[in-house]
PDB file of N, CA and C in Angstrom:
ATOM      1  N   MET A   1     -18.527   0.277  32.115  1.00  0.00           N
ATOM      2  CA  MET A   1     -17.757  -0.767  31.467  1.00  0.00           C
ATOM      3  C   MET A   1     -16.713  -0.176  30.525  1.00  0.00           C
ATOM      4  N   GLU A   2     -17.096   0.852  29.790  1.00  0.00           N
ATOM      5  CA  GLU A   2     -16.162   1.474  28.855  1.00  0.00           C
ATOM      6  C   GLU A   2     -14.978   2.104  29.595  1.00  0.00           C
ATOM      7  N   GLU A   3     -15.217   2.642  30.772  1.00  0.00           N
ATOM      8  CA  GLU A   3     -14.132   3.229  31.573  1.00  0.00           C
ATOM      9  C   GLU A   3     -13.145   2.156  32.012  1.00  0.00           C
ATOM     10  N   LYS A   4     -13.661   0.976  32.385  1.00  0.00           N
ATOM     11  CA  LYS A   4     -12.781  -0.125  32.786  1.00  0.00           C
ATOM     12  C   LYS A   4     -11.907  -0.562  31.608  1.00  0.00           C
ATOM     13  N   LEU A   5     -12.519  -0.652  30.450  1.00  0.00           N
ATOM     14  CA  LEU A   5     -11.779  -1.046  29.260  1.00  0.00           C
ATOM     15  C   LEU A   5     -10.701  -0.022  28.923  1.00  0.00           C
ATOM     16  N   ALA A   6     -11.037   1.248  29.024  1.00  0.00           N
ATOM     17  CA  ALA A   6     -10.057   2.308  28.760  1.00  0.00           C
ATOM     18  C   ALA A   6      -8.917   2.241  29.760  1.00  0.00           C
ATOM     19  N   ALA A   7      -9.223   1.960  31.010  1.00  0.00           N
ATOM     20  CA  ALA A   7      -8.176   1.846  32.039  1.00  0.00           C
ATOM     21  C   ALA A   7      -7.278   0.651  31.760  1.00  0.00           C
ATOM     22  N   ARG A   8      -7.869  -0.458  31.342  1.00  0.00           N
ATOM     23  CA  ARG A   8      -7.067  -1.644  31.020  1.00  0.00           C
ATOM     24  C   ARG A   8      -6.168  -1.392  29.818  1.00  0.00           C
ATOM     25  N   ARG A   9      -6.680  -0.686  28.827  1.00  0.00           N
ATOM     26  CA  ARG A   9      -5.862  -0.362  27.649  1.00  0.00           C
ATOM     27  C   ARG A   9      -4.687   0.519  28.041  1.00  0.00           C
ATOM     28  N   GLU A  10      -4.941   1.510  28.881  1.00  0.00           N
ATOM     29  CA  GLU A  10      -3.859   2.403  29.307  1.00  0.00           C
ATOM     30  C   GLU A  10      -2.817   1.639  30.111  1.00  0.00           C
ATOM     31  N   GLU A  11      -3.263   0.739  30.977  1.00  0.00           N
ATOM     32  CA  GLU A  11      -2.314  -0.072  31.739  1.00  0.00           C
ATOM     33  C   GLU A  11      -1.487  -0.929  30.794  1.00  0.00           C
ATOM     34  N   TYR A  12      -2.132  -1.511  29.783  1.00  0.00           N
ATOM     35  CA  TYR A  12      -1.401  -2.330  28.827  1.00  0.00           C
ATOM     36  C   TYR A  12      -0.358  -1.505  28.074  1.00  0.00           C
ATOM     37  N   ARG A  13      -0.680  -0.272  27.743  1.00  0.00           N
ATOM     38  CA  ARG A  13       0.290   0.588  27.053  1.00  0.00           C
ATOM     39  C   ARG A  13       1.451   0.965  27.968  1.00  0.00           C
ATOM     40  N   ARG A  14       1.164   1.137  29.244  1.00  0.00           N
ATOM     41  CA  ARG A  14       2.181   1.539  30.212  1.00  0.00           C
ATOM     42  C   ARG A  14       3.169   0.407  30.497  1.00  0.00           C
ATOM     43  N   LEU A  15       2.680  -0.797  30.654  1.00  0.00           N
ATOM     44  CA  LEU A  15       3.541  -1.914  31.050  1.00  0.00           C
ATOM     45  C   LEU A  15       4.686  -2.185  30.073  1.00  0.00           C
ATOM     46  N   PRO A  16       4.446  -2.269  28.757  1.00  0.00           N
ATOM     47  CA  PRO A  16       5.583  -2.483  27.850  1.00  0.00           C
ATOM     48  C   PRO A  16       6.590  -1.332  27.883  1.00  0.00           C
ATOM     49  N   ARG A  17       6.114  -0.098  28.033  1.00  0.00           N
ATOM     50  CA  ARG A  17       7.046   1.040  28.109  1.00  0.00           C
ATOM     51  C   ARG A  17       7.946   0.909  29.327  1.00  0.00           C
ATOM     52  N   GLU A  18       7.365   0.530  30.467  1.00  0.00           N
ATOM     53  CA  GLU A  18       8.157   0.366  31.684  1.00  0.00           C
ATOM     54  C   GLU A  18       9.135  -0.799  31.560  1.00  0.00           C
ATOM     55  N   ALA A  19       8.667  -1.905  31.011  1.00  0.00           N
ATOM     56  CA  ALA A  19       9.537  -3.070  30.827  1.00  0.00           C
ATOM     57  C   ALA A  19      10.677  -2.748  29.871  1.00  0.00           C
ATOM     58  N   LEU A  20      10.380  -2.025  28.812  1.00  0.00           N
ATOM     59  CA  LEU A  20      11.412  -1.640  27.853  1.00  0.00           C
ATOM     60  C   LEU A  20      12.447  -0.727  28.500  1.00  0.00           C
ATOM     61  N   ALA A  21      12.007   0.226  29.279  1.00  0.00           N
ATOM     62  CA  ALA A  21      12.937   1.140  29.958  1.00  0.00           C
ATOM     63  C   ALA A  21      13.857   0.361  30.886  1.00  0.00           C
ATOM     64  N   LYS A  22      13.313  -0.595  31.626  1.00  0.00           N
ATOM     65  CA  LYS A  22      14.139  -1.410  32.527  1.00  0.00           C
ATOM     66  C   LYS A  22      15.137  -2.257  31.737  1.00  0.00           C
ATOM     67  N   ALA A  23      14.653  -2.895  30.665  1.00  0.00           N
ATOM     68  CA  ALA A  23      15.529  -3.754  29.870  1.00  0.00           C
ATOM     69  C   ALA A  23      16.667  -2.956  29.255  1.00  0.00           C
ATOM     70  N   VAL A  24      16.371  -1.798  28.703  1.00  0.00           N
ATOM     71  CA  VAL A  24      17.415  -0.969  28.087  1.00  0.00           C
ATOM     72  C   VAL A  24      18.416  -0.509  29.149  1.00  0.00           C
ATOM     73  N   ALA A  25      17.934  -0.105  30.308  1.00  0.00           N
ATOM     74  CA  ALA A  25      18.843   0.333  31.374  1.00  0.00           C
ATOM     75  C   ALA A  25      19.774  -0.794  31.797  1.00  0.00           C
ATOM     76  N   VAL A  26      19.209  -1.976  31.971  1.00  0.00           N
ATOM     77  CA  VAL A  26      20.014  -3.121  32.402  1.00  0.00           C
ATOM     78  C   VAL A  26      20.992  -3.533  31.317  1.00  0.00           C
ATOM     79  N   LEU A  27      20.502  -3.698  30.096  1.00  0.00           N
ATOM     80  CA  LEU A  27      21.364  -4.187  29.019  1.00  0.00           C
ATOM     81  C   LEU A  27      22.428  -3.175  28.618  1.00  0.00           C
ATOM     82  N   SER A  28      22.090  -1.914  28.601  1.00  0.00           N
ATOM     83  CA  SER A  28      23.078  -0.916  28.199  1.00  0.00           C
ATOM     84  C   SER A  28      24.141  -0.699  29.273  1.00  0.00           C
ATOM     85  N   SER A  29      23.892  -1.173  30.470  1.00  0.00           N
ATOM     86  CA  SER A  29      24.917  -1.054  31.514  1.00  0.00           C
ATOM     87  C   SER A  29      25.985  -2.143  31.392  1.00  0.00           C
ATOM     88  N   LEU A  30      25.749  -3.137  30.553  1.00  0.00           N
ATOM     89  CA  LEU A  30      26.767  -4.167  30.327  1.00  0.00           C
ATOM     90  C   LEU A  30      27.929  -3.564  29.550  1.00  0.00           C
ATOM     91  N   PRO A  31      29.137  -3.646  30.079  1.00  0.00           N
ATOM     92  CA  PRO A  31      30.258  -3.066  29.341  1.00  0.00           C
ATOM     93  C   PRO A  31      30.507  -3.748  27.998  1.00  0.00           C
ATOM     94  N   GLU A  32      30.101  -5.011  27.877  1.00  0.00           N
ATOM     95  CA  GLU A  32      30.309  -5.740  26.630  1.00  0.00           C
ATOM     96  C   GLU A  32      29.293  -5.385  25.557  1.00  0.00           C
ATOM     97  N   ALA A  33      28.184  -4.785  25.953  1.00  0.00           N
ATOM     98  CA  ALA A  33      27.120  -4.479  24.998  1.00  0.00           C
ATOM     99  C   ALA A  33      27.502  -3.233  24.203  1.00  0.00           C
ATOM    100  N   GLU A  34      27.632  -3.412  22.910  1.00  0.00           N
ATOM    101  CA  GLU A  34      27.961  -2.288  22.041  1.00  0.00           C
ATOM    102  C   GLU A  34      26.720  -1.518  21.622  1.00  0.00           C
ATOM    103  N   ARG A  35      25.607  -2.246  21.520  1.00  0.00           N
ATOM    104  CA  ARG A  35      24.378  -1.619  21.038  1.00  0.00           C
ATOM    105  C   ARG A  35      23.174  -2.402  21.555  1.00  0.00           C
ATOM    106  N   VAL A  36      22.150  -1.687  21.982  1.00  0.00           N
ATOM    107  CA  VAL A  36      20.878  -2.290  22.389  1.00  0.00           C
ATOM    108  C   VAL A  36      19.819  -1.703  21.464  1.00  0.00           C
ATOM    109  N   SER A  37      19.103  -2.581  20.758  1.00  0.00           N
ATOM    110  CA  SER A  37      18.126  -2.121  19.768  1.00  0.00           C
ATOM    111  C   SER A  37      16.771  -2.774  20.007  1.00  0.00           C
ATOM    112  N   LEU A  38      15.730  -1.996  19.823  1.00  0.00           N
ATOM    113  CA  LEU A  38      14.371  -2.520  19.843  1.00  0.00           C
ATOM    114  C   LEU A  38      14.029  -2.929  18.416  1.00  0.00           C
ATOM    115  N   VAL A  39      13.583  -4.155  18.234  1.00  0.00           N
ATOM    116  CA  VAL A  39      13.233  -4.671  16.914  1.00  0.00           C
ATOM    117  C   VAL A  39      11.839  -5.298  16.987  1.00  0.00           C
ATOM    118  N   GLY A  40      11.301  -5.701  15.874  1.00  0.00           N
ATOM    119  CA  GLY A  40      10.026  -6.403  15.865  1.00  0.00           C
ATOM    120  C   GLY A  40       8.831  -5.481  15.768  1.00  0.00           C
ATOM    121  N   SER A  41       7.663  -6.049  16.041  1.00  0.00           N
ATOM    122  CA  SER A  41       6.410  -5.325  15.834  1.00  0.00           C
ATOM    123  C   SER A  41       6.280  -4.095  16.730  1.00  0.00           C
ATOM    124  N   TYR A  42       6.737  -4.173  17.974  1.00  0.00           N
ATOM    125  CA  TYR A  42       6.627  -3.012  18.876  1.00  0.00           C
ATOM    126  C   TYR A  42       7.475  -1.854  18.347  1.00  0.00           C
ATOM    127  N   ALA A  43       8.631  -2.171  17.798  1.00  0.00           N
ATOM    128  CA  ALA A  43       9.494  -1.138  17.219  1.00  0.00           C
ATOM    129  C   ALA A  43       8.847  -0.494  15.992  1.00  0.00           C
ATOM    130  N   ARG A  44       8.006  -1.258  15.306  1.00  0.00           N
ATOM    131  CA  ARG A  44       7.299  -0.735  14.138  1.00  0.00           C
ATOM    132  C   ARG A  44       6.006  -0.024  14.513  1.00  0.00           C
ATOM    133  N   GLY A  45       5.736   0.093  15.806  1.00  0.00           N
ATOM    134  CA  GLY A  45       4.562   0.833  16.247  1.00  0.00           C
ATOM    135  C   GLY A  45       3.320   0.001  16.501  1.00  0.00           C
ATOM    136  N   ARG A  46       3.441  -1.313  16.429  1.00  0.00           N
ATOM    137  CA  ARG A  46       2.291  -2.176  16.726  1.00  0.00           C
ATOM    138  C   ARG A  46       2.300  -2.532  18.194  1.00  0.00           C
ATOM    139  N   SER A  47       1.237  -2.213  18.877  1.00  0.00           N
ATOM    140  CA  SER A  47       1.140  -2.579  20.293  1.00  0.00           C
ATOM    141  C   SER A  47      -0.274  -3.016  20.608  1.00  0.00           C
ATOM    142  N   ASP A  48      -0.529  -4.300  20.319  1.00  0.00           N
ATOM    143  CA  ASP A  48      -1.822  -4.854  20.678  1.00  0.00           C
ATOM    144  C   ASP A  48      -1.608  -5.898  21.768  1.00  0.00           C
ATOM    145  N   LEU A  49      -2.643  -6.607  22.133  1.00  0.00           N
ATOM    146  CA  LEU A  49      -2.531  -7.542  23.251  1.00  0.00           C
ATOM    147  C   LEU A  49      -1.535  -8.672  23.003  1.00  0.00           C
ATOM    148  N   GLY A  50      -1.236  -8.977  21.758  1.00  0.00           N
ATOM    149  CA  GLY A  50      -0.296 -10.057  21.466  1.00  0.00           C
ATOM    150  C   GLY A  50       1.127  -9.594  21.220  1.00  0.00           C
ATOM    151  N   THR A  51       1.381  -8.307  21.376  1.00  0.00           N
ATOM    152  CA  THR A  51       2.703  -7.761  21.086  1.00  0.00           C
ATOM    153  C   THR A  51       3.659  -8.015  22.240  1.00  0.00           C
ATOM    154  N   ASP A  52       4.853  -8.467  21.899  1.00  0.00           N
ATOM    155  CA  ASP A  52       5.899  -8.612  22.911  1.00  0.00           C
ATOM    156  C   ASP A  52       7.023  -7.635  22.593  1.00  0.00           C
ATOM    157  N   LEU A  53       8.031  -7.610  23.445  1.00  0.00           N
ATOM    158  CA  LEU A  53       9.187  -6.734  23.225  1.00  0.00           C
ATOM    159  C   LEU A  53      10.347  -7.574  22.727  1.00  0.00           C
ATOM    160  N   ASP A  54      10.878  -7.216  21.573  1.00  0.00           N
ATOM    161  CA  ASP A  54      12.035  -7.899  21.009  1.00  0.00           C
ATOM    162  C   ASP A  54      13.220  -6.939  21.083  1.00  0.00           C
ATOM    163  N   VAL A  55      14.239  -7.345  21.813  1.00  0.00           N
ATOM    164  CA  VAL A  55      15.411  -6.501  22.013  1.00  0.00           C
ATOM    165  C   VAL A  55      16.628  -7.247  21.497  1.00  0.00           C
ATOM    166  N   ALA A  56      17.452  -6.567  20.711  1.00  0.00           N
ATOM    167  CA  ALA A  56      18.688  -7.149  20.196  1.00  0.00           C
ATOM    168  C   ALA A  56      19.874  -6.460  20.859  1.00  0.00           C
ATOM    169  N   VAL A  57      20.826  -7.266  21.302  1.00  0.00           N
ATOM    170  CA  VAL A  57      22.054  -6.747  21.910  1.00  0.00           C
ATOM    171  C   VAL A  57      23.210  -7.226  21.048  1.00  0.00           C
ATOM    172  N   THR A  58      24.082  -6.301  20.645  1.00  0.00           N
ATOM    173  CA  THR A  58      25.213  -6.704  19.813  1.00  0.00           C
ATOM    174  C   THR A  58      26.527  -6.435  20.529  1.00  0.00           C
ATOM    175  N   ARG A  59      27.461  -7.299  20.208  1.00  0.00           N
ATOM    176  CA  ARG A  59      28.842  -7.136  20.665  1.00  0.00           C
ATOM    177  C   ARG A  59      29.717  -7.986  19.762  1.00  0.00           C
ATOM    178  N   THR A  60      30.987  -7.730  19.764  1.00  0.00           N
ATOM    179  CA  THR A  60      31.860  -8.448  18.846  1.00  0.00           C
ATOM    180  C   THR A  60      32.249  -9.829  19.361  1.00  0.00           C
ATOM    181  N   GLU A  61      32.334 -10.018  20.661  1.00  0.00           N
ATOM    182  CA  GLU A  61      32.733 -11.311  21.205  1.00  0.00           C
ATOM    183  C   GLU A  61      31.560 -12.271  21.265  1.00  0.00           C
ATOM    184  N   LEU A  62      31.847 -13.565  21.208  1.00  0.00           N
ATOM    185  CA  LEU A  62      30.808 -14.580  21.306  1.00  0.00           C
ATOM    186  C   LEU A  62      30.486 -14.875  22.765  1.00  0.00           C
ATOM    187  N   GLY A  63      29.379 -15.500  23.016  1.00  0.00           N
ATOM    188  CA  GLY A  63      29.035 -15.936  24.362  1.00  0.00           C
ATOM    189  C   GLY A  63      28.217 -14.938  25.160  1.00  0.00           C
ATOM    190  N   LEU A  64      27.726 -13.894  24.543  1.00  0.00           N
ATOM    191  CA  LEU A  64      26.980 -12.876  25.277  1.00  0.00           C
ATOM    192  C   LEU A  64      25.611 -13.385  25.728  1.00  0.00           C
ATOM    193  N   LYS A  65      25.008 -14.276  24.969  1.00  0.00           N
ATOM    194  CA  LYS A  65      23.637 -14.689  25.276  1.00  0.00           C
ATOM    195  C   LYS A  65      23.506 -15.189  26.717  1.00  0.00           C
ATOM    196  N   GLU A  66      24.334 -16.095  27.130  1.00  0.00           N
ATOM    197  CA  GLU A  66      24.244 -16.644  28.470  1.00  0.00           C
ATOM    198  C   GLU A  66      24.516 -15.572  29.521  1.00  0.00           C
ATOM    199  N   GLU A  67      25.478 -14.694  29.237  1.00  0.00           N
ATOM    200  CA  GLU A  67      25.797 -13.622  30.171  1.00  0.00           C
ATOM    201  C   GLU A  67      24.627 -12.652  30.312  1.00  0.00           C
ATOM    202  N   VAL A  68      24.003 -12.298  29.206  1.00  0.00           N
ATOM    203  CA  VAL A  68      22.879 -11.353  29.231  1.00  0.00           C
ATOM    204  C   VAL A  68      21.708 -11.957  29.980  1.00  0.00           C
ATOM    205  N   VAL A  69      21.394 -13.207  29.690  1.00  0.00           N
ATOM    206  CA  VAL A  69      20.268 -13.850  30.366  1.00  0.00           C
ATOM    207  C   VAL A  69      20.497 -13.855  31.875  1.00  0.00           C
ATOM    208  N   ALA A  70      21.678 -14.247  32.309  1.00  0.00           N
ATOM    209  CA  ALA A  70      21.971 -14.281  33.740  1.00  0.00           C
ATOM    210  C   ALA A  70      21.956 -12.873  34.342  1.00  0.00           C
ATOM    211  N   PHE A  71      22.543 -11.928  33.647  1.00  0.00           N
ATOM    212  CA  PHE A  71      22.610 -10.556  34.159  1.00  0.00           C
ATOM    213  C   PHE A  71      21.218  -9.956  34.302  1.00  0.00           C
ATOM    214  N   VAL A  72      20.396 -10.088  33.266  1.00  0.00           N
ATOM    215  CA  VAL A  72      19.039  -9.520  33.298  1.00  0.00           C
ATOM    216  C   VAL A  72      18.225 -10.208  34.389  1.00  0.00           C
ATOM    217  N   ARG A  73      18.301 -11.521  34.470  1.00  0.00           N
ATOM    218  CA  ARG A  73      17.559 -12.246  35.498  1.00  0.00           C
ATOM    219  C   ARG A  73      17.950 -11.758  36.886  1.00  0.00           C
ATOM    220  N   ASP A  74      19.234 -11.609  37.137  1.00  0.00           N
ATOM    221  CA  ASP A  74      19.710 -11.147  38.443  1.00  0.00           C
ATOM    222  C   ASP A  74      19.276  -9.724  38.738  1.00  0.00           C
ATOM    223  N   ARG A  75      19.405  -8.832  37.753  1.00  0.00           N
ATOM    224  CA  ARG A  75      19.055  -7.418  37.981  1.00  0.00           C
ATOM    225  C   ARG A  75      17.568  -7.229  38.174  1.00  0.00           C
ATOM    226  N   LEU A  76      16.760  -7.920  37.376  1.00  0.00           N
ATOM    227  CA  LEU A  76      15.310  -7.779  37.519  1.00  0.00           C
ATOM    228  C   LEU A  76      14.830  -8.382  38.832  1.00  0.00           C
ATOM    229  N   ALA A  77      15.524  -9.407  39.316  1.00  0.00           N
ATOM    230  CA  ALA A  77      15.160  -9.992  40.610  1.00  0.00           C
ATOM    231  C   ALA A  77      15.448  -9.023  41.753  1.00  0.00           C
ATOM    232  N   GLU A  78      16.425  -8.147  41.580  1.00  0.00           N
ATOM    233  CA  GLU A  78      16.764  -7.158  42.612  1.00  0.00           C
ATOM    234  C   GLU A  78      15.722  -6.062  42.723  1.00  0.00           C
ATOM    235  N   ARG A  79      14.954  -5.828  41.665  1.00  0.00           N
ATOM    236  CA  ARG A  79      13.998  -4.705  41.654  1.00  0.00           C
ATOM    237  C   ARG A  79      12.681  -5.075  42.186  1.00  0.00           C
TER     238      ARG A  79
END
């Protein structure tokens, strides 16, 4: 039982790292994105079962939110 729990913990640690790598790759490829930053509890080193990934994207022009959502949705659907 302890081995199963250890395996589940390792999988949980792996999944956010993989998701973060994909998100950063996708978001940083946007020419409009000036900066992609990890913020929130995961950035502060907290990674428990309730931790999510909070990513901030900055740019000077308005309207990026809708573009980012559509772009990320499309790119992640391709993978």
